[in-house]
Protein backbone atom coordinates (compact mmCIF):
# COMPACT_ATOMS: atom_id res chain seq x y z
CA MET A 1 123.10 54.12 -123.06
CA TYR A 2 125.38 57.17 -123.48
CA LYS A 3 128.53 57.15 -120.61
CA VAL A 4 128.89 60.34 -118.60
CA ASP A 5 131.79 61.79 -117.20
CA LEU A 6 130.58 62.32 -113.77
CA LEU A 7 132.45 64.69 -111.65
CA PRO A 8 134.19 63.06 -108.63
CA ASP A 9 132.55 64.56 -104.96
CA PRO A 10 134.91 66.71 -103.41
CA LYS A 11 134.26 65.39 -99.99
CA GLU A 12 135.42 61.62 -101.23
CA ILE A 13 138.29 63.70 -102.76
CA ALA A 14 139.47 64.98 -99.39
CA ALA A 15 137.96 61.88 -97.44
CA ILE A 16 141.16 59.72 -99.65
CA GLU A 17 143.44 63.01 -99.27
CA ARG A 18 142.91 62.64 -95.51
CA ARG A 19 143.86 58.94 -95.46
CA ARG A 20 146.58 59.03 -97.43
CA ASN A 21 148.73 61.63 -96.02
CA GLN A 22 147.80 59.68 -92.26
CA GLU A 23 149.05 56.57 -93.98
CA GLN A 24 152.32 58.24 -94.78
CA GLN A 25 152.70 60.19 -91.62
CA ARG A 26 151.93 56.51 -90.15
CA GLN A 27 154.64 54.72 -91.95
CA SER A 28 156.95 57.27 -90.93
CA ARG A 29 156.72 56.50 -87.51
CA ILE A 30 157.23 52.60 -87.90
CA PHE A 31 159.56 52.46 -90.04
CA ASN A 32 161.76 54.94 -89.06
CA ALA A 33 163.50 52.62 -86.73
CA LYS A 34 164.81 55.51 -84.43
CA CYS A 35 161.00 56.50 -83.24
CA ARG A 36 160.01 52.58 -83.39
CA ILE A 37 162.80 51.36 -81.08
CA ILE A 38 162.98 54.44 -78.59
CA GLY A 39 159.12 54.79 -78.71
CA VAL A 40 158.87 58.55 -78.09
CA ASP A 41 156.74 60.36 -79.70
CA VAL A 42 158.47 64.11 -79.48
CA GLN A 43 155.31 65.84 -81.04
CA THR A 44 153.77 64.46 -78.98
CA LEU A 45 155.73 65.44 -76.01
CA ASP A 46 156.14 68.85 -77.10
CA LYS A 47 152.68 68.91 -77.07
CA GLN A 48 152.13 68.34 -73.75
CA VAL A 49 154.75 70.18 -72.28
CA GLN A 50 152.78 73.43 -74.00
CA GLU A 51 149.22 71.95 -72.17
CA LEU A 52 151.64 72.26 -69.29
CA LYS A 53 153.03 75.72 -69.47
CA VAL A 54 149.11 76.59 -70.36
CA LYS A 55 147.97 75.15 -67.92
CA GLU A 56 150.31 76.45 -65.13
CA ARG A 57 149.65 80.13 -66.88
CA ALA A 58 146.16 79.78 -65.45
CA GLU A 59 146.71 78.29 -62.49
CA LYS A 60 148.89 81.41 -61.67
CA ALA A 61 146.19 83.97 -62.90
CA ASN A 62 143.55 81.75 -60.51
CA ASN A 63 146.11 82.40 -57.61
CA GLU A 64 146.95 85.85 -58.60
CA ALA A 65 142.89 86.55 -58.60
CA TYR A 66 142.29 84.89 -55.38
CA ASP A 67 145.03 86.52 -53.35
CA ALA A 68 143.64 89.93 -54.99
CA GLU A 69 140.31 88.65 -53.83
CA ARG A 70 142.11 87.60 -50.53
CA LEU A 71 143.42 91.20 -49.78
CA LEU A 72 140.17 92.52 -50.49
CA ASN A 73 138.15 90.41 -48.28
CA ASP A 74 141.03 91.29 -45.52
CA ARG A 75 140.25 94.65 -45.96
CA ILE A 76 137.01 94.74 -45.87
CA THR A 77 137.21 92.42 -42.79
CA GLN A 78 139.59 95.13 -41.40
CA MET A 79 136.69 97.92 -42.29
CA LEU A 80 133.73 96.11 -40.66
CA GLU A 81 136.16 95.17 -37.53
CA GLN A 82 137.17 99.21 -36.74
CA ARG A 83 133.01 99.62 -37.21
CA GLN A 84 132.20 97.12 -34.84
CA GLU A 85 134.54 98.22 -32.01
CA GLN A 86 133.41 102.27 -32.35
CA LEU A 87 129.78 100.71 -32.02
CA ALA A 88 130.61 98.92 -28.73
CA GLN A 89 132.77 101.81 -27.76
CA SER A 90 129.76 104.12 -28.55
CA LEU A 91 127.01 101.40 -27.07
CA GLU A 92 129.71 101.13 -23.85
CA LYS A 93 129.10 105.13 -23.20
CA ALA A 94 125.59 104.92 -23.84
CA VAL A 95 125.10 102.23 -20.59
CA GLN A 96 127.81 104.26 -18.72
CA ASP A 97 125.52 107.56 -19.06
CA PHE A 98 122.23 105.55 -18.63
CA ARG A 99 123.97 104.29 -15.33
CA ASP A 100 125.15 107.74 -14.27
CA GLN A 101 122.06 109.74 -14.85
CA HIS A 102 119.23 107.10 -14.10
CA GLN A 103 121.46 104.15 -11.77
CA GLN A 104 122.69 106.45 -9.24
CA PRO A 105 123.40 104.04 -5.82
CA HIS A 106 120.68 106.18 -3.45
CA THR A 107 118.05 104.53 -5.98
CA CYS A 108 118.80 101.19 -5.21
CA ARG A 109 116.09 98.73 -3.69
CA ASP A 110 119.17 97.51 -2.01
CA PHE A 111 120.94 100.92 -1.20
CA ASP A 112 119.94 100.17 2.55
CA LEU A 113 122.28 97.86 3.17
CA ASN A 114 125.14 99.23 1.72
CA ASP A 115 124.63 102.94 2.95
CA PRO A 116 127.78 104.01 4.73
CA GLU A 117 125.71 106.03 6.99
CA ALA A 118 123.19 103.22 8.06
CA LEU A 119 124.80 103.49 11.56
CA LYS A 120 124.25 107.41 12.47
CA LYS A 121 120.62 106.67 10.41
CA ASP A 122 119.03 103.19 12.02
CA LYS A 123 117.70 103.44 15.34
CA PRO A 124 119.12 102.03 18.53
CA ALA A 125 118.43 98.23 19.02
CA ARG A 126 115.87 98.50 21.73
CA VAL A 127 114.25 101.27 24.12
CA GLY A 128 113.93 99.34 26.66
CA ASP A 129 112.88 96.04 28.12
CA GLU A 130 108.85 96.41 27.22
CA ASP A 131 109.81 97.94 23.58
CA LEU A 132 107.55 95.96 20.87
CA ARG A 133 110.45 94.92 18.43
CA CYS A 134 111.82 92.93 20.69
CA GLY A 135 110.31 89.78 20.41
CA PRO A 136 110.78 86.11 21.43
CA ALA A 137 112.80 85.47 18.27
CA SER A 138 114.77 88.67 17.58
CA LEU A 139 118.30 87.93 20.37
CA GLN A 140 117.22 91.72 21.98
CA LYS A 141 115.82 91.32 25.30
CA PHE A 142 118.42 88.88 27.53
CA ALA A 143 117.63 87.61 30.66
CA GLY A 144 119.17 89.40 34.20
CA GLU A 145 118.54 93.39 31.53
CA ASP A 146 116.43 95.02 33.14
CA LEU A 147 115.97 98.76 34.28
CA ASN A 148 114.50 98.13 37.53
CA GLU A 149 117.39 97.15 39.25
CA LYS A 150 117.23 98.82 43.38
CA GLU A 151 113.59 96.47 43.34
CA ARG A 152 115.34 93.35 42.29
CA LYS A 153 117.82 94.44 44.83
CA LYS A 154 116.01 94.61 47.60
CA MET A 155 114.55 91.20 46.57
CA GLN A 156 118.00 89.95 46.37
CA MET A 157 118.59 91.42 50.17
CA ASP A 158 115.30 90.14 51.70
CA LEU A 159 115.66 86.70 49.98
CA THR A 160 119.02 86.43 51.38
CA LYS A 161 117.81 87.44 54.81
CA LYS A 162 115.30 84.82 54.91
CA TRP A 163 117.85 82.17 53.48
CA PHE A 164 119.88 82.73 56.66
CA LEU A 165 117.08 82.34 59.07
CA ASP A 166 116.58 79.15 57.85
CA GLN A 167 120.05 77.76 58.08
CA ILE A 168 120.28 79.28 61.57
CA GLU A 169 117.09 77.11 62.53
CA GLU A 170 118.18 74.02 60.50
CA ARG A 171 121.52 74.12 62.40
CA GLN A 172 119.13 74.35 65.59
CA ARG A 173 117.12 70.96 64.88
CA THR A 174 119.90 69.10 62.94
CA GLN A 175 121.65 69.93 66.62
CA ARG A 176 119.01 68.33 68.57
CA GLN A 177 118.82 65.77 65.83
CA ALA A 178 122.43 64.64 66.73
CA LYS A 179 121.77 64.86 70.31
CA TYR A 180 119.12 62.77 70.58
CA ALA A 181 120.78 60.00 68.09
CA ASP A 182 123.80 60.01 71.20
CA ASN A 183 121.47 59.04 73.20
CA LEU A 184 119.77 56.15 70.86
CA ASN A 185 123.90 54.81 70.05
CA ASP A 186 124.32 54.91 73.62
CA LYS A 187 121.39 52.43 74.78
CA LYS A 188 122.59 50.42 71.41
CA ARG A 189 125.58 50.09 72.26
CA VAL A 190 124.97 48.69 76.07
CA GLU A 191 122.65 46.55 74.24
CA LEU A 192 125.33 45.17 72.04
CA ASP A 193 128.02 44.56 74.83
CA GLU A 194 125.51 42.24 76.57
CA ARG A 195 124.42 40.56 73.03
CA ALA A 196 128.55 40.40 72.47
CA LEU A 197 129.03 38.21 76.02
CA HIS A 198 126.02 35.86 75.38
CA LEU A 199 127.28 35.24 71.60
CA SER A 200 130.56 34.30 73.01
CA ALA A 201 129.25 32.22 75.53
CA MET A 202 127.54 30.34 73.28
CA GLU A 203 130.27 30.60 70.77
CA GLU A 204 132.62 28.57 73.07
CA GLU A 205 130.08 25.93 73.40
CA CYS A 206 129.83 25.62 69.85
CA ARG A 207 133.89 25.18 69.83
CA LYS A 208 134.13 22.46 71.91
CA ALA A 209 131.30 20.52 70.39
CA ILE A 210 133.10 21.23 66.57
CA SER A 211 136.48 19.84 68.69
CA LEU A 212 134.96 16.73 69.47
CA ALA A 213 133.30 15.79 66.32
CA THR A 214 136.47 16.67 64.16
CA LYS A 215 138.38 14.61 67.10
CA ASN A 216 136.09 11.33 65.81
CA TYR A 217 136.10 11.91 62.03
CA ASN A 218 139.50 11.95 62.15
CA GLU A 219 139.89 9.20 63.50
CA ALA A 220 137.38 7.14 61.23
CA LEU A 221 139.26 8.77 58.65
CA ALA A 222 142.70 7.24 59.87
CA LEU A 223 141.31 3.79 60.50
CA GLU A 224 139.47 4.01 57.03
CA ALA A 225 143.11 5.33 55.14
CA SER A 226 144.56 2.67 56.94
CA GLU A 227 142.28 -0.08 55.50
CA LEU A 228 142.53 1.66 51.99
CA LYS A 229 146.29 1.36 52.08
CA ARG A 230 146.40 -2.81 53.25
CA LEU A 231 143.78 -2.89 50.33
CA ARG A 232 146.40 -1.29 47.25
CA ASN A 233 148.99 -3.32 48.66
CA GLN A 234 147.07 -6.63 48.44
CA GLN A 235 145.45 -5.55 45.27
CA GLU A 236 149.20 -4.54 44.01
CA GLN A 237 151.00 -7.56 45.70
CA ASP A 238 147.76 -9.82 43.03
CA ASP A 239 148.92 -7.82 40.46
CA ASN A 240 152.34 -8.36 40.30
CA PHE A 241 151.95 -12.23 41.17
CA ALA A 242 149.41 -12.05 37.72
CA GLU A 243 152.22 -10.41 36.06
CA ILE A 244 154.74 -12.58 37.23
CA TYR A 245 152.92 -15.82 35.62
CA ASN A 246 151.68 -14.35 32.79
CA HIS A 247 155.33 -13.62 31.75
CA LEU A 248 156.39 -17.29 33.03
CA THR A 249 153.22 -18.11 30.15
CA GLY A 250 153.10 -16.06 28.10
CA ASP A 251 154.37 -15.96 24.32
CA ILE A 252 157.44 -13.88 23.79
CA LEU A 253 159.45 -16.58 26.75
CA THR A 254 157.36 -19.45 25.50
CA GLU A 255 158.60 -18.62 21.57
CA ASN A 256 154.91 -19.06 20.16
CA PRO A 257 155.09 -18.88 16.46
CA ALA A 258 151.54 -17.56 16.16
CA ALA A 259 152.40 -14.76 18.49
CA ALA A 260 154.53 -12.63 15.36
CA THR A 261 151.84 -13.43 12.54
CA SER A 262 150.52 -10.31 11.48
CA SER A 263 146.78 -9.09 11.25
CA TYR A 264 147.37 -7.75 7.38
CA GLY A 265 148.02 -11.40 6.09
CA ALA A 266 149.19 -15.23 7.23
CA GLN A 267 152.67 -14.07 5.09
CA ARG A 268 153.16 -11.40 7.34
CA VAL A 269 155.25 -11.05 10.53
CA ILE A 270 155.95 -8.67 13.72
CA PRO A 271 159.33 -7.63 13.49
CA ASP A 272 159.32 -7.58 17.47
CA ARG A 273 158.02 -11.07 18.04
CA TRP A 274 159.71 -13.06 15.11
CA LYS A 275 162.05 -15.68 16.45
CA GLY A 276 162.71 -16.76 13.51
CA MET A 277 161.52 -19.50 10.66
CA SER A 278 160.42 -22.80 11.96
CA PRO A 279 162.66 -26.01 9.94
CA GLU A 280 159.74 -26.56 7.93
CA GLN A 281 159.92 -23.04 6.35
CA LEU A 282 163.50 -23.23 5.88
CA GLN A 283 162.56 -26.53 4.15
CA ALA A 284 160.50 -25.03 1.70
CA ILE A 285 162.28 -22.30 0.70
CA TRP A 286 164.82 -24.64 -0.07
CA GLU A 287 162.99 -26.74 -2.47
CA THR A 288 161.99 -23.48 -3.69
CA GLN A 289 164.93 -22.19 -4.82
CA GLU A 290 166.26 -25.57 -6.17
CA GLN A 291 162.90 -25.25 -8.28
CA GLN A 292 163.88 -21.78 -9.18
CA ARG A 293 167.70 -23.07 -9.96
CA GLN A 294 166.55 -26.02 -12.14
CA GLU A 295 163.96 -23.62 -14.43
CA LYS A 296 166.71 -21.31 -14.64
CA GLN A 297 168.46 -23.92 -16.09
CA LYS A 298 165.98 -25.01 -18.69
CA LEU A 299 165.57 -21.31 -19.89
CA ASN A 300 169.35 -21.07 -20.28
CA GLU A 301 169.25 -23.94 -22.45
CA GLN A 302 166.08 -23.11 -24.44
CA GLU A 303 167.84 -19.62 -25.50
CA LYS A 304 170.70 -21.43 -26.48
CA GLN A 305 169.16 -23.53 -28.52
CA MET A 306 167.45 -20.25 -30.08
CA GLU A 307 170.54 -18.35 -30.75
CA VAL A 308 171.81 -21.31 -32.72
CA GLU A 309 168.74 -21.78 -34.38
CA TRP A 310 168.66 -17.68 -35.38
CA ASP A 311 172.49 -18.34 -36.30
CA LYS A 312 171.67 -20.65 -38.62
CA GLN A 313 168.36 -18.56 -40.35
CA ARG A 314 171.05 -15.46 -40.69
CA VAL A 315 173.47 -17.37 -42.61
CA LEU A 316 170.83 -18.59 -45.00
CA ALA A 317 169.68 -15.37 -45.35
CA ALA A 318 172.65 -14.13 -46.25
CA ARG A 319 173.69 -16.11 -49.09
CA ALA A 320 169.78 -16.05 -50.49
CA SER A 321 170.51 -12.20 -50.27
CA MET A 322 173.52 -12.66 -52.51
CA THR A 323 171.95 -15.00 -54.93
CA LEU A 324 169.30 -12.13 -55.10
CA GLU A 325 172.12 -9.63 -56.33
CA GLN A 326 174.08 -11.62 -58.48
CA GLN A 327 170.36 -11.97 -60.30
CA GLU A 328 170.14 -8.55 -60.16
CA MET A 329 173.27 -7.19 -61.66
CA GLU A 330 172.66 -10.18 -64.51
CA MET A 331 168.99 -8.83 -65.16
CA ASN A 332 170.61 -4.68 -65.52
CA LYS A 333 173.43 -5.89 -67.33
CA GLU A 334 170.52 -7.46 -69.54
CA LEU A 335 168.26 -4.34 -69.52
CA ARG A 336 171.50 -2.04 -70.49
CA LYS A 337 172.37 -4.06 -73.47
CA LYS A 338 169.05 -3.35 -74.65
CA LEU A 339 168.25 -0.15 -74.05
CA ASP A 340 172.40 0.41 -75.87
CA LEU A 341 170.63 -1.04 -78.67
CA TYR A 342 167.06 0.52 -78.74
CA ASN A 343 169.26 3.64 -78.26
CA GLN A 344 170.92 3.25 -81.38
CA GLN A 345 168.17 2.38 -83.19
CA LEU A 346 166.49 5.81 -82.50
CA SER A 347 170.00 7.56 -83.86
CA LYS A 348 169.72 5.75 -87.04
CA GLU A 349 166.43 7.38 -87.41
CA GLN A 350 166.53 10.46 -86.63
CA LYS A 351 170.06 10.37 -89.29
CA ALA A 352 167.89 9.08 -91.60
CA HIS A 353 164.53 11.53 -91.54
CA LEU A 354 167.28 14.58 -91.11
CA GLU A 355 168.87 13.42 -94.40
CA TYR A 356 165.52 13.46 -95.73
CA LEU A 357 164.49 16.79 -95.06
CA GLU A 358 167.37 18.53 -95.73
CA LYS A 359 167.19 16.63 -99.09
CA GLU A 360 163.45 15.88 -100.18
CA VAL A 361 161.80 18.29 -98.15
CA TYR A 362 163.53 21.92 -98.15
CA THR A 363 164.67 22.40 -101.50
CA ASN A 364 163.74 25.62 -102.13
CA ASN A 365 165.59 28.13 -100.39
CA PRO A 366 164.14 32.00 -100.33
CA THR A 367 166.10 34.75 -101.74
CA ALA A 368 166.59 38.16 -100.99
CA HIS A 369 163.69 38.96 -103.15
CA PHE A 370 161.42 36.91 -100.97
CA TYR A 371 162.27 39.70 -98.28
CA THR A 372 161.63 42.62 -99.94
CA GLN A 373 157.64 42.22 -99.92
CA PHE A 374 157.90 42.27 -96.19
CA ASN A 375 157.02 45.86 -94.47
CA THR A 376 155.58 47.19 -97.54
CA THR A 377 152.28 48.90 -95.59
CA SER A 378 151.70 50.03 -92.08
CA ARG A 379 148.72 47.35 -91.35
């Protein structure tokens, strides 16, 4: 086969050139110490500033357009309000004209209630007592308001005359009844006088009988009272003798010890009845006190023995603690010596390891040419 020289693809050449330019720009940014340290892309910042200015100009243009549209809307609103006011005025004028032409006060169905000439046009409340408009609930026809005044006065005079004659007749009849009653009273008074004399005689006899009965009753009461007094004196004398006997034979004078015993227990007494302890009780108390003294003496001796034992134990414990402290100090010294020896051994091993590294491992030190192979590309 023959070797054919193919022409390179323009797209591939352009892509290679584009990548080469991007690599150079990247190296200029990365290898530039100022840009790398400060970290500020001036071109990007300028581009952002330009974009911000363009944005502000666009916002300003939008605001101006909005202001112009708002002014236009305000003017349209004012024109509509003026037109609405004109329509309202024309409508109100038309309504007023209609009222003036077709709604006069005299055409209203309630005009008779508000007519200023109503009293002049109105009929009188009633023509007479027999007016048909004056019914039971009309409150127009009242008692006494009649047109038959003459007949009514004549009737009243006749009635007054009749009443006068009736009064004269009633007075005469009363006088006759009073006279008859006086006669009856006189007869009754005479009868009552006779009866009073008879009753006074009977009352005098009763008074005498009552006086005699009262005298007899008082005598009986006096005898009864004297007998009761004698019996009371006899009972009081017997009570006094019994009280004296009770005092002589009672627990107070005889000083009975059982009288001081309380109902709450045999060990308690009543203070106002207690006459002191008996010799047996005193002897029992003395014996108890002596027993308590001996027990207390024994307890004191036991406490002294315990204190002696505790002193011995404290001395032994102090000696044991001193021995343990000496042993612990000796053990600490031995441990310190071993630790020092171990640290010396570690120090020697570390020094030997460092010498080995410096002499055997780290023998090939890097030169300046070694550092030139770095930062040759941006990747």
